[in-house]
């Protein structure tokens, strides 16, 4: 699965739920970060799901790697490294579930309009 495919799938799920535009943007950002990291660092996406529940949107991305994501120190000499920070800012209750085939990252975004956490 590519980022574009995942974003398109997420967009379809959210379109049928009357999701506020700022939440759609946040969800698509989280989807892009998690899928691109799975492709770049973890052997590709092995599972993907977006679920709208009462008061929240849940994004689940599985990959083949057992390595856990981590915050990298910001450095002007090293490009990138901000994705996990972005995910944790937009979806503060994100957690990782390890399993024998790799891991699944579950990012939960609150569906309350205008309650985006401060960076």
Protein backbone atom coordinates (compact mmCIF):
# COMPACT_ATOMS: atom_id res chain seq x y z
CA UNK A 1 0.00 0.00 0.00
CA UNK A 2 1.26 3.47 -0.87
CA UNK A 3 0.60 6.71 0.99
CA UNK A 4 -1.68 7.84 -1.81
CA UNK A 5 -3.74 4.64 -1.63
CA UNK A 6 -4.00 4.87 2.15
CA UNK A 7 -5.01 8.54 2.03
CA UNK A 8 -7.65 7.79 -0.59
CA UNK A 9 -9.05 4.94 1.50
CA UNK A 10 -9.11 7.09 4.65
CA UNK A 11 -10.75 9.93 2.75
CA UNK A 12 -13.54 7.61 1.58
CA UNK A 13 -14.15 6.37 5.13
CA UNK A 14 -14.28 9.91 6.51
CA UNK A 15 -16.44 11.29 3.68
CA UNK A 16 -19.35 9.13 4.74
CA UNK A 17 -19.15 10.32 8.34
CA UNK A 18 -19.61 14.10 8.03
CA UNK A 19 -16.11 14.59 9.48
CA UNK A 20 -14.99 18.21 10.06
CA UNK A 21 -12.38 19.36 7.50
CA UNK A 22 -9.67 20.05 10.12
CA UNK A 23 -10.06 16.51 11.50
CA UNK A 24 -9.90 15.07 7.97
CA UNK A 25 -6.64 16.96 7.44
CA UNK A 26 -5.20 15.66 10.72
CA UNK A 27 -6.23 12.07 9.96
CA UNK A 28 -4.70 12.23 6.48
CA UNK A 29 -1.47 13.61 7.97
CA UNK A 30 -1.30 10.75 10.49
CA UNK A 31 -2.06 8.21 7.74
CA UNK A 32 0.71 9.66 5.55
CA UNK A 33 3.28 9.61 8.35
CA UNK A 34 2.50 6.07 9.53
CA UNK A 35 2.29 4.54 6.06
CA UNK A 36 5.42 6.29 4.76
CA UNK A 37 7.37 5.14 7.82
CA UNK A 38 6.12 1.55 7.37
CA UNK A 39 7.23 1.64 3.74
CA UNK A 40 10.56 3.37 4.41
CA UNK A 41 11.65 1.64 7.62
CA UNK A 42 9.59 -1.50 8.21
CA UNK A 43 9.26 -3.56 5.06
CA UNK A 44 5.91 -2.15 3.95
CA UNK A 45 2.33 -2.04 5.18
CA UNK A 46 0.79 -5.39 6.10
CA UNK A 47 -2.48 -4.01 7.45
CA UNK A 48 -4.38 -0.73 7.31
CA UNK A 49 -7.69 0.36 8.79
CA UNK A 50 -9.48 3.61 9.58
CA UNK A 51 -12.47 3.44 11.92
CA UNK A 52 -14.80 6.22 13.00
CA UNK A 53 -16.15 5.68 16.49
CA UNK A 54 -18.12 7.89 18.85
CA UNK A 55 -15.90 10.89 19.47
CA UNK A 56 -12.79 9.58 17.72
CA UNK A 57 -11.12 8.35 14.56
CA UNK A 58 -8.78 5.37 14.89
CA UNK A 59 -5.99 4.73 12.35
CA UNK A 60 -4.25 1.35 12.47
CA UNK A 61 -1.15 0.59 10.42
CA UNK A 62 0.67 -2.75 10.65
CA UNK A 63 4.11 -3.60 9.31
CA UNK A 64 6.71 -6.40 9.40
CA UNK A 65 9.22 -4.79 11.75
CA UNK A 66 9.48 -5.43 15.47
CA UNK A 67 11.43 -2.17 15.91
CA UNK A 68 9.41 0.42 17.81
CA UNK A 69 9.12 4.01 16.62
CA UNK A 70 10.90 6.62 18.70
CA UNK A 71 11.41 10.35 18.88
CA UNK A 72 14.63 11.47 17.28
CA UNK A 73 16.36 14.60 18.53
CA UNK A 74 15.85 17.52 16.20
CA UNK A 75 18.98 18.27 14.19
CA UNK A 76 19.58 20.82 11.45
CA UNK A 77 22.11 18.37 9.93
CA UNK A 78 19.77 15.37 9.64
CA UNK A 79 16.67 15.64 7.44
CA UNK A 80 13.38 14.17 8.60
CA UNK A 81 12.73 12.61 11.95
CA UNK A 82 9.60 14.61 12.73
CA UNK A 83 6.95 12.05 11.74
CA UNK A 84 6.55 10.31 15.09
CA UNK A 85 6.37 13.68 16.85
CA UNK A 86 3.63 14.81 14.43
CA UNK A 87 1.66 11.59 14.99
CA UNK A 88 1.93 11.85 18.78
CA UNK A 89 0.85 15.51 18.66
CA UNK A 90 -2.22 14.90 16.51
CA UNK A 91 -3.09 11.55 18.12
CA UNK A 92 -1.83 11.78 21.72
CA UNK A 93 -3.15 8.36 22.77
CA UNK A 94 -1.16 6.52 20.07
CA UNK A 95 0.31 3.20 21.10
CA UNK A 96 2.15 0.27 19.53
CA UNK A 97 1.05 -3.34 19.77
CA UNK A 98 3.82 -5.83 19.01
CA UNK A 99 2.98 -9.23 17.57
CA UNK A 100 4.87 -12.13 16.04
CA UNK A 101 4.56 -10.70 12.52
CA UNK A 102 5.79 -7.21 13.44
CA UNK A 103 3.76 -4.42 15.00
CA UNK A 104 0.58 -2.41 14.69
CA UNK A 105 0.48 1.29 15.48
CA UNK A 106 -2.93 2.44 16.70
CA UNK A 107 -3.40 6.21 16.54
CA UNK A 108 -6.58 7.67 18.02
CA UNK A 109 -7.56 11.19 17.06
CA UNK A 110 -10.25 12.95 19.09
CA UNK A 111 -13.16 13.99 16.89
CA UNK A 112 -13.88 17.17 18.84
CA UNK A 113 -13.66 20.13 16.51
CA UNK A 114 -11.11 22.73 17.57
CA UNK A 115 -9.37 20.71 20.28
CA UNK A 116 -6.11 20.07 18.48
CA UNK A 117 -3.30 19.75 21.02
CA UNK A 118 -0.57 22.36 21.07
CA UNK A 119 2.70 21.34 19.35
